[in-house]
Amino acid sequence: MAKSIDRITLFKVAEEDIDEVLAQYKGLKEKALKDDQPYILRAYAQRTYPEARNQGFSICAHTSFASLEDFEYYDKECAVHKALKAVVGPKQSGMMMMYMDATPESRGS
């Protein structure tokens, strides 16, 4: 059985651009297709609370995939993700992305 994957992406975005960046994630799950089928399990982004520990990251985006193969497709080939990056890229002044095994067995207790 394939391991599901969670992807977390943090962005540093100026206050005046946050709503436009968040809008890029609306409907992402439905619009992104692989072999003419939706393949993203979950996709959303939201503002972070402003405080010193967030180091200026103002948006946290979360996407989930059924497999590492689906994650790789999103990361390297997905036209909808490329369009999202074309809008978000110029609006961010810093970005951090990480991905992890999302199966329940992989989580610490």
PDB file of N, CA and C in Angstrom:
ATOM      1  N   MET A   1       0.839  -1.188   0.000  1.00  0.00           N
ATOM      2  CA  MET A   1       0.000   0.000   0.000  1.00  0.00           C
ATOM      3  C   MET A   1       0.884   1.250   0.000  1.00  0.00           C
ATOM      4  N   ALA A   2       0.526   2.211  -0.840  1.00  0.00           N
ATOM      5  CA  ALA A   2       1.294   3.458  -0.927  1.00  0.00           C
ATOM      6  C   ALA A   2       1.113   4.276   0.346  1.00  0.00           C
ATOM      7  N   LYS A   3       2.173   4.970   0.699  1.00  0.00           N
ATOM      8  CA  LYS A   3       2.096   5.860   1.856  1.00  0.00           C
ATOM      9  C   LYS A   3       1.508   7.187   1.417  1.00  0.00           C
ATOM     10  N   SER A   4       0.544   7.690   2.175  1.00  0.00           N
ATOM     11  CA  SER A   4       0.021   9.020   1.879  1.00  0.00           C
ATOM     12  C   SER A   4       1.043  10.059   2.329  1.00  0.00           C
ATOM     13  N   ILE A   5       0.994  11.213   1.680  1.00  0.00           N
ATOM     14  CA  ILE A   5       1.986  12.262   1.893  1.00  0.00           C
ATOM     15  C   ILE A   5       1.288  13.568   2.252  1.00  0.00           C
ATOM     16  N   ASP A   6       1.781  14.238   3.276  1.00  0.00           N
ATOM     17  CA  ASP A   6       1.356  15.599   3.616  1.00  0.00           C
ATOM     18  C   ASP A   6       2.466  16.554   3.216  1.00  0.00           C
ATOM     19  N   ARG A   7       2.088  17.669   2.613  1.00  0.00           N
ATOM     20  CA  ARG A   7       3.039  18.711   2.210  1.00  0.00           C
ATOM     21  C   ARG A   7       2.633  19.990   2.934  1.00  0.00           C
ATOM     22  N   ILE A   8       3.576  20.603   3.605  1.00  0.00           N
ATOM     23  CA  ILE A   8       3.363  21.878   4.286  1.00  0.00           C
ATOM     24  C   ILE A   8       4.261  22.906   3.611  1.00  0.00           C
ATOM     25  N   THR A   9       3.674  24.017   3.205  1.00  0.00           N
ATOM     26  CA  THR A   9       4.450  25.092   2.588  1.00  0.00           C
ATOM     27  C   THR A   9       4.164  26.376   3.348  1.00  0.00           C
ATOM     28  N   LEU A  10       5.213  27.039   3.772  1.00  0.00           N
ATOM     29  CA  LEU A  10       5.109  28.312   4.477  1.00  0.00           C
ATOM     30  C   LEU A  10       5.568  29.421   3.543  1.00  0.00           C
ATOM     31  N   PHE A  11       4.838  30.538   3.560  1.00  0.00           N
ATOM     32  CA  PHE A  11       5.184  31.683   2.722  1.00  0.00           C
ATOM     33  C   PHE A  11       5.301  32.942   3.565  1.00  0.00           C
ATOM     34  N   LYS A  12       6.247  33.780   3.212  1.00  0.00           N
ATOM     35  CA  LYS A  12       6.331  35.138   3.740  1.00  0.00           C
ATOM     36  C   LYS A  12       5.714  36.039   2.678  1.00  0.00           C
ATOM     37  N   VAL A  13       4.547  36.585   2.997  1.00  0.00           N
ATOM     38  CA  VAL A  13       3.795  37.397   2.043  1.00  0.00           C
ATOM     39  C   VAL A  13       3.367  38.677   2.744  1.00  0.00           C
ATOM     40  N   ALA A  14       3.499  39.800   2.057  1.00  0.00           N
ATOM     41  CA  ALA A  14       3.077  41.087   2.616  1.00  0.00           C
ATOM     42  C   ALA A  14       1.567  41.083   2.851  1.00  0.00           C
ATOM     43  N   GLU A  15       1.145  41.791   3.871  1.00  0.00           N
ATOM     44  CA  GLU A  15      -0.268  41.837   4.256  1.00  0.00           C
ATOM     45  C   GLU A  15      -1.179  42.142   3.067  1.00  0.00           C
ATOM     46  N   GLU A  16      -0.776  43.078   2.224  1.00  0.00           N
ATOM     47  CA  GLU A  16      -1.646  43.485   1.106  1.00  0.00           C
ATOM     48  C   GLU A  16      -1.790  42.401   0.032  1.00  0.00           C
ATOM     49  N   ASP A  17      -0.964  41.373   0.062  1.00  0.00           N
ATOM     50  CA  ASP A  17      -1.032  40.306  -0.940  1.00  0.00           C
ATOM     51  C   ASP A  17      -1.587  38.989  -0.401  1.00  0.00           C
ATOM     52  N   ILE A  18      -1.842  38.923   0.885  1.00  0.00           N
ATOM     53  CA  ILE A  18      -2.257  37.651   1.494  1.00  0.00           C
ATOM     54  C   ILE A  18      -3.557  37.126   0.896  1.00  0.00           C
ATOM     55  N   ASP A  19      -4.571  37.958   0.757  1.00  0.00           N
ATOM     56  CA  ASP A  19      -5.855  37.470   0.239  1.00  0.00           C
ATOM     57  C   ASP A  19      -5.716  36.902  -1.172  1.00  0.00           C
ATOM     58  N   GLU A  20      -4.908  37.542  -2.008  1.00  0.00           N
ATOM     59  CA  GLU A  20      -4.704  37.045  -3.370  1.00  0.00           C
ATOM     60  C   GLU A  20      -4.002  35.685  -3.364  1.00  0.00           C
ATOM     61  N   VAL A  21      -3.036  35.520  -2.491  1.00  0.00           N
ATOM     62  CA  VAL A  21      -2.343  34.231  -2.393  1.00  0.00           C
ATOM     63  C   VAL A  21      -3.301  33.157  -1.874  1.00  0.00           C
ATOM     64  N   LEU A  22      -4.063  33.467  -0.835  1.00  0.00           N
ATOM     65  CA  LEU A  22      -5.013  32.490  -0.297  1.00  0.00           C
ATOM     66  C   LEU A  22      -6.027  32.065  -1.355  1.00  0.00           C
ATOM     67  N   ALA A  23      -6.446  32.992  -2.201  1.00  0.00           N
ATOM     68  CA  ALA A  23      -7.422  32.686  -3.250  1.00  0.00           C
ATOM     69  C   ALA A  23      -6.901  31.633  -4.226  1.00  0.00           C
ATOM     70  N   GLN A  24      -5.598  31.550  -4.396  1.00  0.00           N
ATOM     71  CA  GLN A  24      -5.020  30.567  -5.314  1.00  0.00           C
ATOM     72  C   GLN A  24      -5.266  29.135  -4.836  1.00  0.00           C
ATOM     73  N   TYR A  25      -5.477  28.955  -3.554  1.00  0.00           N
ATOM     74  CA  TYR A  25      -5.692  27.617  -3.008  1.00  0.00           C
ATOM     75  C   TYR A  25      -7.158  27.202  -3.024  1.00  0.00           C
ATOM     76  N   LYS A  26      -8.067  28.148  -3.249  1.00  0.00           N
ATOM     77  CA  LYS A  26      -9.492  27.812  -3.294  1.00  0.00           C
ATOM     78  C   LYS A  26      -9.773  26.993  -4.551  1.00  0.00           C
ATOM     79  N   GLY A  27     -10.343  25.843  -4.392  1.00  0.00           N
ATOM     80  CA  GLY A  27     -10.672  24.979  -5.520  1.00  0.00           C
ATOM     81  C   GLY A  27      -9.496  24.206  -6.091  1.00  0.00           C
ATOM     82  N   LEU A  28      -8.320  24.327  -5.483  1.00  0.00           N
ATOM     83  CA  LEU A  28      -7.137  23.628  -5.987  1.00  0.00           C
ATOM     84  C   LEU A  28      -7.372  22.121  -6.063  1.00  0.00           C
ATOM     85  N   LYS A  29      -7.965  21.571  -5.044  1.00  0.00           N
ATOM     86  CA  LYS A  29      -8.209  20.126  -4.984  1.00  0.00           C
ATOM     87  C   LYS A  29      -9.064  19.663  -6.165  1.00  0.00           C
ATOM     88  N   GLU A  30     -10.037  20.462  -6.555  1.00  0.00           N
ATOM     89  CA  GLU A  30     -10.936  20.089  -7.642  1.00  0.00           C
ATOM     90  C   GLU A  30     -10.341  20.393  -9.021  1.00  0.00           C
ATOM     91  N   LYS A  31      -9.558  21.455  -9.118  1.00  0.00           N
ATOM     92  CA  LYS A  31      -9.011  21.881 -10.416  1.00  0.00           C
ATOM     93  C   LYS A  31      -7.798  21.070 -10.854  1.00  0.00           C
ATOM     94  N   ALA A  32      -6.990  20.624  -9.920  1.00  0.00           N
ATOM     95  CA  ALA A  32      -5.763  19.897 -10.263  1.00  0.00           C
ATOM     96  C   ALA A  32      -6.118  18.463 -10.663  1.00  0.00           C
ATOM     97  N   LEU A  33      -5.750  18.093 -11.880  1.00  0.00           N
ATOM     98  CA  LEU A  33      -6.089  16.775 -12.402  1.00  0.00           C
ATOM     99  C   LEU A  33      -4.836  16.010 -12.813  1.00  0.00           C
ATOM    100  N   LYS A  34      -4.911  14.716 -12.628  1.00  0.00           N
ATOM    101  CA  LYS A  34      -3.875  13.792 -13.100  1.00  0.00           C
ATOM    102  C   LYS A  34      -4.626  12.666 -13.798  1.00  0.00           C
ATOM    103  N   ASP A  35      -4.312  12.421 -15.047  1.00  0.00           N
ATOM    104  CA  ASP A  35      -5.058  11.441 -15.845  1.00  0.00           C
ATOM    105  C   ASP A  35      -6.554  11.768 -15.850  1.00  0.00           C
ATOM    106  N   ASP A  36      -6.852  13.071 -15.968  1.00  0.00           N
ATOM    107  CA  ASP A  36      -8.229  13.584 -16.035  1.00  0.00           C
ATOM    108  C   ASP A  36      -9.048  13.345 -14.769  1.00  0.00           C
ATOM    109  N   GLN A  37      -8.382  13.080 -13.660  1.00  0.00           N
ATOM    110  CA  GLN A  37      -9.070  12.853 -12.387  1.00  0.00           C
ATOM    111  C   GLN A  37      -8.455  13.721 -11.295  1.00  0.00           C
ATOM    112  N   PRO A  38      -9.286  14.232 -10.364  1.00  0.00           N
ATOM    113  CA  PRO A  38      -8.704  14.928  -9.208  1.00  0.00           C
ATOM    114  C   PRO A  38      -7.810  13.947  -8.438  1.00  0.00           C
ATOM    115  N   TYR A  39      -6.679  14.431  -7.950  1.00  0.00           N
ATOM    116  CA  TYR A  39      -5.744  13.538  -7.258  1.00  0.00           C
ATOM    117  C   TYR A  39      -5.249  14.095  -5.926  1.00  0.00           C
ATOM    118  N   ILE A  40      -5.600  15.314  -5.605  1.00  0.00           N
ATOM    119  CA  ILE A  40      -5.202  15.898  -4.321  1.00  0.00           C
ATOM    120  C   ILE A  40      -6.276  15.552  -3.293  1.00  0.00           C
ATOM    121  N   LEU A  41      -5.876  14.991  -2.182  1.00  0.00           N
ATOM    122  CA  LEU A  41      -6.835  14.588  -1.149  1.00  0.00           C
ATOM    123  C   LEU A  41      -7.365  15.775  -0.356  1.00  0.00           C
ATOM    124  N   ARG A  42      -6.486  16.744  -0.097  1.00  0.00           N
ATOM    125  CA  ARG A  42      -6.866  17.913   0.703  1.00  0.00           C
ATOM    126  C   ARG A  42      -5.941  19.049   0.309  1.00  0.00           C
ATOM    127  N   ALA A  43      -6.497  20.254   0.229  1.00  0.00           N
ATOM    128  CA  ALA A  43      -5.680  21.433  -0.075  1.00  0.00           C
ATOM    129  C   ALA A  43      -6.339  22.661   0.538  1.00  0.00           C
ATOM    130  N   TYR A  44      -5.579  23.367   1.351  1.00  0.00           N
ATOM    131  CA  TYR A  44      -6.058  24.626   1.904  1.00  0.00           C
ATOM    132  C   TYR A  44      -4.862  25.455   2.346  1.00  0.00           C
ATOM    133  N   ALA A  45      -5.105  26.735   2.496  1.00  0.00           N
ATOM    134  CA  ALA A  45      -4.077  27.648   3.003  1.00  0.00           C
ATOM    135  C   ALA A  45      -4.760  28.633   3.935  1.00  0.00           C
ATOM    136  N   GLN A  46      -4.013  29.110   4.910  1.00  0.00           N
ATOM    137  CA  GLN A  46      -4.581  30.075   5.846  1.00  0.00           C
ATOM    138  C   GLN A  46      -3.491  30.977   6.407  1.00  0.00           C
ATOM    139  N   ARG A  47      -3.957  32.097   6.934  1.00  0.00           N
ATOM    140  CA  ARG A  47      -3.050  33.042   7.594  1.00  0.00           C
ATOM    141  C   ARG A  47      -2.515  32.421   8.873  1.00  0.00           C
ATOM    142  N   THR A  48      -1.303  32.792   9.215  1.00  0.00           N
ATOM    143  CA  THR A  48      -0.769  32.415  10.517  1.00  0.00           C
ATOM    144  C   THR A  48      -1.016  33.579  11.478  1.00  0.00           C
ATOM    145  N   TYR A  49      -0.987  33.286  12.759  1.00  0.00           N
ATOM    146  CA  TYR A  49      -1.057  34.362  13.740  1.00  0.00           C
ATOM    147  C   TYR A  49       0.288  35.073  13.767  1.00  0.00           C
ATOM    148  N   PRO A  50       0.271  36.406  13.787  1.00  0.00           N
ATOM    149  CA  PRO A  50       1.543  37.137  13.823  1.00  0.00           C
ATOM    150  C   PRO A  50       2.181  37.047  15.213  1.00  0.00           C
ATOM    151  N   GLU A  51       3.363  36.516  15.254  1.00  0.00           N
ATOM    152  CA  GLU A  51       4.131  36.460  16.493  1.00  0.00           C
ATOM    153  C   GLU A  51       5.569  36.102  16.140  1.00  0.00           C
ATOM    154  N   ALA A  52       6.480  36.336  17.043  1.00  0.00           N
ATOM    155  CA  ALA A  52       7.912  36.215  16.761  1.00  0.00           C
ATOM    156  C   ALA A  52       8.329  34.822  16.292  1.00  0.00           C
ATOM    157  N   ARG A  53       7.711  33.786  16.820  1.00  0.00           N
ATOM    158  CA  ARG A  53       8.161  32.430  16.482  1.00  0.00           C
ATOM    159  C   ARG A  53       7.865  32.026  15.038  1.00  0.00           C
ATOM    160  N   ASN A  54       6.954  32.735  14.362  1.00  0.00           N
ATOM    161  CA  ASN A  54       6.670  32.343  12.977  1.00  0.00           C
ATOM    162  C   ASN A  54       7.703  32.885  11.990  1.00  0.00           C
ATOM    163  N   GLN A  55       8.657  33.667  12.469  1.00  0.00           N
ATOM    164  CA  GLN A  55       9.783  34.169  11.683  1.00  0.00           C
ATOM    165  C   GLN A  55       9.347  34.872  10.399  1.00  0.00           C
ATOM    166  N   GLY A  56       8.181  35.498  10.434  1.00  0.00           N
ATOM    167  CA  GLY A  56       7.709  36.259   9.280  1.00  0.00           C
ATOM    168  C   GLY A  56       6.879  35.463   8.288  1.00  0.00           C
ATOM    169  N   PHE A  57       6.703  34.169   8.514  1.00  0.00           N
ATOM    170  CA  PHE A  57       5.861  33.380   7.616  1.00  0.00           C
ATOM    171  C   PHE A  57       4.402  33.711   7.911  1.00  0.00           C
ATOM    172  N   SER A  58       3.702  34.229   6.923  1.00  0.00           N
ATOM    173  CA  SER A  58       2.343  34.728   7.125  1.00  0.00           C
ATOM    174  C   SER A  58       1.262  33.796   6.589  1.00  0.00           C
ATOM    175  N   ILE A  59       1.642  32.792   5.803  1.00  0.00           N
ATOM    176  CA  ILE A  59       0.681  31.835   5.242  1.00  0.00           C
ATOM    177  C   ILE A  59       1.236  30.423   5.407  1.00  0.00           C
ATOM    178  N   CYS A  60       0.339  29.506   5.779  1.00  0.00           N
ATOM    179  CA  CYS A  60       0.677  28.086   5.830  1.00  0.00           C
ATOM    180  C   CYS A  60      -0.282  27.355   4.888  1.00  0.00           C
ATOM    181  N   ALA A  61       0.273  26.648   3.911  1.00  0.00           N
ATOM    182  CA  ALA A  61      -0.531  25.860   2.974  1.00  0.00           C
ATOM    183  C   ALA A  61      -0.315  24.382   3.266  1.00  0.00           C
ATOM    184  N   HIS A  62      -1.400  23.622   3.192  1.00  0.00           N
ATOM    185  CA  HIS A  62      -1.352  22.185   3.486  1.00  0.00           C
ATOM    186  C   HIS A  62      -1.993  21.452   2.315  1.00  0.00           C
ATOM    187  N   THR A  63      -1.255  20.542   1.722  1.00  0.00           N
ATOM    188  CA  THR A  63      -1.807  19.682   0.681  1.00  0.00           C
ATOM    189  C   THR A  63      -1.498  18.236   1.046  1.00  0.00           C
ATOM    190  N   SER A  64      -2.424  17.347   0.722  1.00  0.00           N
ATOM    191  CA  SER A  64      -2.262  15.925   1.029  1.00  0.00           C
ATOM    192  C   SER A  64      -2.476  15.106  -0.238  1.00  0.00           C
ATOM    193  N   PHE A  65      -1.684  14.046  -0.350  1.00  0.00           N
ATOM    194  CA  PHE A  65      -1.695  13.200  -1.535  1.00  0.00           C
ATOM    195  C   PHE A  65      -1.774  11.737  -1.121  1.00  0.00           C
ATOM    196  N   ALA A  66      -2.347  10.904  -1.980  1.00  0.00           N
ATOM    197  CA  ALA A  66      -2.485   9.481  -1.686  1.00  0.00           C
ATOM    198  C   ALA A  66      -1.160   8.742  -1.788  1.00  0.00           C
ATOM    199  N   SER A  67      -0.192   9.331  -2.508  1.00  0.00           N
ATOM    200  CA  SER A  67       1.078   8.633  -2.709  1.00  0.00           C
ATOM    201  C   SER A  67       2.204   9.623  -2.976  1.00  0.00           C
ATOM    202  N   LEU A  68       3.425   9.146  -2.841  1.00  0.00           N
ATOM    203  CA  LEU A  68       4.591   9.952  -3.185  1.00  0.00           C
ATOM    204  C   LEU A  68       4.576  10.273  -4.679  1.00  0.00           C
ATOM    205  N   GLU A  69       4.106   9.360  -5.488  1.00  0.00           N
ATOM    206  CA  GLU A  69       3.999   9.596  -6.933  1.00  0.00           C
ATOM    207  C   GLU A  69       3.088  10.797  -7.214  1.00  0.00           C
ATOM    208  N   ASP A  70       1.950  10.884  -6.530  1.00  0.00           N
ATOM    209  CA  ASP A  70       1.051  12.027  -6.718  1.00  0.00           C
ATOM    210  C   ASP A  70       1.711  13.322  -6.252  1.00  0.00           C
ATOM    211  N   PHE A  71       2.426  13.270  -5.133  1.00  0.00           N
ATOM    212  CA  PHE A  71       3.162  14.447  -4.662  1.00  0.00           C
ATOM    213  C   PHE A  71       4.174  14.898  -5.712  1.00  0.00           C
ATOM    214  N   GLU A  72       4.940  13.961  -6.256  1.00  0.00           N
ATOM    215  CA  GLU A  72       5.952  14.291  -7.265  1.00  0.00           C
ATOM    216  C   GLU A  72       5.303  14.895  -8.509  1.00  0.00           C
ATOM    217  N   TYR A  73       4.163  14.366  -8.910  1.00  0.00           N
ATOM    218  CA  TYR A  73       3.444  14.919 -10.059  1.00  0.00           C
ATOM    219  C   TYR A  73       3.061  16.375  -9.783  1.00  0.00           C
ATOM    220  N   TYR A  74       2.490  16.624  -8.619  1.00  0.00           N
ATOM    221  CA  TYR A  74       2.108  17.985  -8.232  1.00  0.00           C
ATOM    222  C   TYR A  74       3.325  18.899  -8.236  1.00  0.00           C
ATOM    223  N   ASP A  75       4.401  18.440  -7.660  1.00  0.00           N
ATOM    224  CA  ASP A  75       5.598  19.261  -7.503  1.00  0.00           C
ATOM    225  C   ASP A  75       6.274  19.579  -8.831  1.00  0.00           C
ATOM    226  N   LYS A  76       6.228  18.665  -9.788  1.00  0.00           N
ATOM    227  CA  LYS A  76       7.023  18.821 -11.010  1.00  0.00           C
ATOM    228  C   LYS A  76       6.229  18.987 -12.295  1.00  0.00           C
ATOM    229  N   GLU A  77       4.982  18.497 -12.349  1.00  0.00           N
ATOM    230  CA  GLU A  77       4.279  18.467 -13.627  1.00  0.00           C
ATOM    231  C   GLU A  77       2.921  19.160 -13.650  1.00  0.00           C
ATOM    232  N   CYS A  78       2.257  19.264 -12.551  1.00  0.00           N
ATOM    233  CA  CYS A  78       0.873  19.752 -12.505  1.00  0.00           C
ATOM    234  C   CYS A  78       0.744  21.179 -13.047  1.00  0.00           C
ATOM    235  N   ALA A  79      -0.072  21.349 -14.089  1.00  0.00           N
ATOM    236  CA  ALA A  79      -0.270  22.666 -14.699  1.00  0.00           C
ATOM    237  C   ALA A  79      -0.938  23.641 -13.731  1.00  0.00           C
ATOM    238  N   VAL A  80      -1.855  23.161 -12.911  1.00  0.00           N
ATOM    239  CA  VAL A  80      -2.540  24.031 -11.952  1.00  0.00           C
ATOM    240  C   VAL A  80      -1.555  24.516 -10.893  1.00  0.00           C
ATOM    241  N   HIS A  81      -0.659  23.650 -10.445  1.00  0.00           N
ATOM    242  CA  HIS A  81       0.358  24.065  -9.477  1.00  0.00           C
ATOM    243  C   HIS A  81       1.323  25.067 -10.111  1.00  0.00           C
ATOM    244  N   LYS A  82       1.682  24.863 -11.360  1.00  0.00           N
ATOM    245  CA  LYS A  82       2.554  25.819 -12.056  1.00  0.00           C
ATOM    246  C   LYS A  82       1.891  27.187 -12.141  1.00  0.00           C
ATOM    247  N   ALA A  83       0.583  27.215 -12.412  1.00  0.00           N
ATOM    248  CA  ALA A  83      -0.146  28.485 -12.470  1.00  0.00           C
ATOM    249  C   ALA A  83      -0.181  29.150 -11.094  1.00  0.00           C
ATOM    250  N   LEU A  84      -0.379  28.354 -10.041  1.00  0.00           N
ATOM    251  CA  LEU A  84      -0.359  28.876  -8.674  1.00  0.00           C
ATOM    252  C   LEU A  84       0.998  29.505  -8.377  1.00  0.00           C
ATOM    253  N   LYS A  85       2.079  28.813  -8.735  1.00  0.00           N
ATOM    254  CA  LYS A  85       3.429  29.335  -8.479  1.00  0.00           C
ATOM    255  C   LYS A  85       3.691  30.621  -9.259  1.00  0.00           C
ATOM    256  N   ALA A  86       3.106  30.747 -10.445  1.00  0.00           N
ATOM    257  CA  ALA A  86       3.302  31.960 -11.243  1.00  0.00           C
ATOM    258  C   ALA A  86       2.693  33.178 -10.561  1.00  0.00           C
ATOM    259  N   VAL A  87       1.602  32.984  -9.838  1.00  0.00           N
ATOM    260  CA  VAL A  87       0.959  34.087  -9.108  1.00  0.00           C
ATOM    261  C   VAL A  87       1.644  34.314  -7.766  1.00  0.00           C
ATOM    262  N   VAL A  88       1.870  33.243  -7.026  1.00  0.00           N
ATOM    263  CA  VAL A  88       2.395  33.353  -5.664  1.00  0.00           C
ATOM    264  C   VAL A  88       3.877  33.723  -5.653  1.00  0.00           C
ATOM    265  N   GLY A  89       4.636  33.181  -6.566  1.00  0.00           N
ATOM    266  CA  GLY A  89       6.084  33.399  -6.588  1.00  0.00           C
ATOM    267  C   GLY A  89       6.510  34.845  -6.441  1.00  0.00           C
ATOM    268  N   PRO A  90       5.996  35.747  -7.275  1.00  0.00           N
ATOM    269  CA  PRO A  90       6.409  37.148  -7.174  1.00  0.00           C
ATOM    270  C   PRO A  90       5.913  37.853  -5.904  1.00  0.00           C
ATOM    271  N   LYS A  91       4.932  37.273  -5.226  1.00  0.00           N
ATOM    272  CA  LYS A  91       4.352  37.916  -4.041  1.00  0.00           C
ATOM    273  C   LYS A  91       5.014  37.462  -2.745  1.00  0.00           C
ATOM    274  N   GLN A  92       5.836  36.433  -2.800  1.00  0.00           N
ATOM    275  CA  GLN A  92       6.452  35.929  -1.576  1.00  0.00           C
ATOM    276  C   GLN A  92       7.905  36.380  -1.493  1.00  0.00           C
ATOM    277  N   SER A  93       8.327  36.621  -0.258  1.00  0.00           N
ATOM    278  CA  SER A  93       9.717  37.022  -0.021  1.00  0.00           C
ATOM    279  C   SER A  93      10.494  35.928   0.712  1.00  0.00           C
ATOM    280  N   GLY A  94       9.852  34.800   0.905  1.00  0.00           N
ATOM    281  CA  GLY A  94      10.479  33.654   1.546  1.00  0.00           C
ATOM    282  C   GLY A  94       9.509  32.494   1.519  1.00  0.00           C
ATOM    283  N   MET A  95      10.046  31.281   1.387  1.00  0.00           N
ATOM    284  CA  MET A  95       9.208  30.100   1.303  1.00  0.00           C
ATOM    285  C   MET A  95       9.968  28.926   1.900  1.00  0.00           C
ATOM    286  N   MET A  96       9.231  28.046   2.567  1.00  0.00           N
ATOM    287  CA  MET A  96       9.800  26.802   3.078  1.00  0.00           C
ATOM    288  C   MET A  96       8.774  25.705   2.813  1.00  0.00           C
ATOM    289  N   MET A  97       9.237  24.594   2.268  1.00  0.00           N
ATOM    290  CA  MET A  97       8.350  23.476   1.995  1.00  0.00           C
ATOM    291  C   MET A  97       8.939  22.225   2.620  1.00  0.00           C
ATOM    292  N   MET A  98       8.067  21.409   3.178  1.00  0.00           N
ATOM    293  CA  MET A  98       8.474  20.110   3.697  1.00  0.00           C
ATOM    294  C   MET A  98       7.356  19.121   3.409  1.00  0.00           C
ATOM    295  N   TYR A  99       7.715  17.866   3.272  1.00  0.00           N
ATOM    296  CA  TYR A  99       6.692  16.845   3.095  1.00  0.00           C
ATOM    297  C   TYR A  99       7.039  15.648   3.960  1.00  0.00           C
ATOM    298  N   MET A 100       6.011  14.878   4.292  1.00  0.00           N
ATOM    299  CA  MET A 100       6.201  13.792   5.246  1.00  0.00           C
ATOM    300  C   MET A 100       5.196  12.684   5.006  1.00  0.00           C
ATOM    301  N   ASP A 101       5.526  11.530   5.518  1.00  0.00           N
ATOM    302  CA  ASP A 101       4.633  10.380   5.526  1.00  0.00           C
ATOM    303  C   ASP A 101       3.422  10.760   6.377  1.00  0.00           C
ATOM    304  N   ALA A 102       2.233  10.572   5.824  1.00  0.00           N
ATOM    305  CA  ALA A 102       1.022  10.964   6.543  1.00  0.00           C
ATOM    306  C   ALA A 102       0.225   9.772   7.058  1.00  0.00           C
ATOM    307  N   THR A 103       0.794   8.586   6.969  1.00  0.00           N
ATOM    308  CA  THR A 103       0.073   7.431   7.474  1.00  0.00           C
ATOM    309  C   THR A 103       0.010   7.492   9.001  1.00  0.00           C
ATOM    310  N   PRO A 104      -1.086   7.032   9.591  1.00  0.00           N
ATOM    311  CA  PRO A 104      -1.219   7.104  11.048  1.00  0.00           C
ATOM    312  C   PRO A 104      -0.064   6.442  11.795  1.00  0.00           C
ATOM    313  N   GLU A 105       0.492   5.373  11.250  1.00  0.00           N
ATOM    314  CA  GLU A 105       1.582   4.663  11.926  1.00  0.00           C
ATOM    315  C   GLU A 105       2.849   5.507  12.030  1.00  0.00           C
ATOM    316  N   SER A 106       2.995   6.493  11.151  1.00  0.00           N
ATOM    317  CA  SER A 106       4.226   7.296  11.138  1.00  0.00           C
ATOM    318  C   SER A 106       4.218   8.415  12.170  1.00  0.00           C
ATOM    319  N   ARG A 107       3.069   8.687  12.743  1.00  0.00           N
ATOM    320  CA  ARG A 107       2.953   9.806  13.677  1.00  0.00           C
ATOM    321  C   ARG A 107       3.451   9.422  15.059  1.00  0.00           C
ATOM    322  N   GLY A 108       4.168  10.345  15.670  1.00  0.00           N
ATOM    323  CA  GLY A 108       4.596  10.138  17.052  1.00  0.00           C
ATOM    324  C   GLY A 108       3.399  10.208  17.979  1.00  0.00           C
ATOM    325  N   SER A 109       3.485   9.541  19.091  1.00  0.00           N
ATOM    326  CA  SER A 109       2.352   9.576  20.022  1.00  0.00           C
ATOM    327  C   SER A 109       2.638  10.465  21.195  1.00  0.00           C
TER     328      SER A 109
END
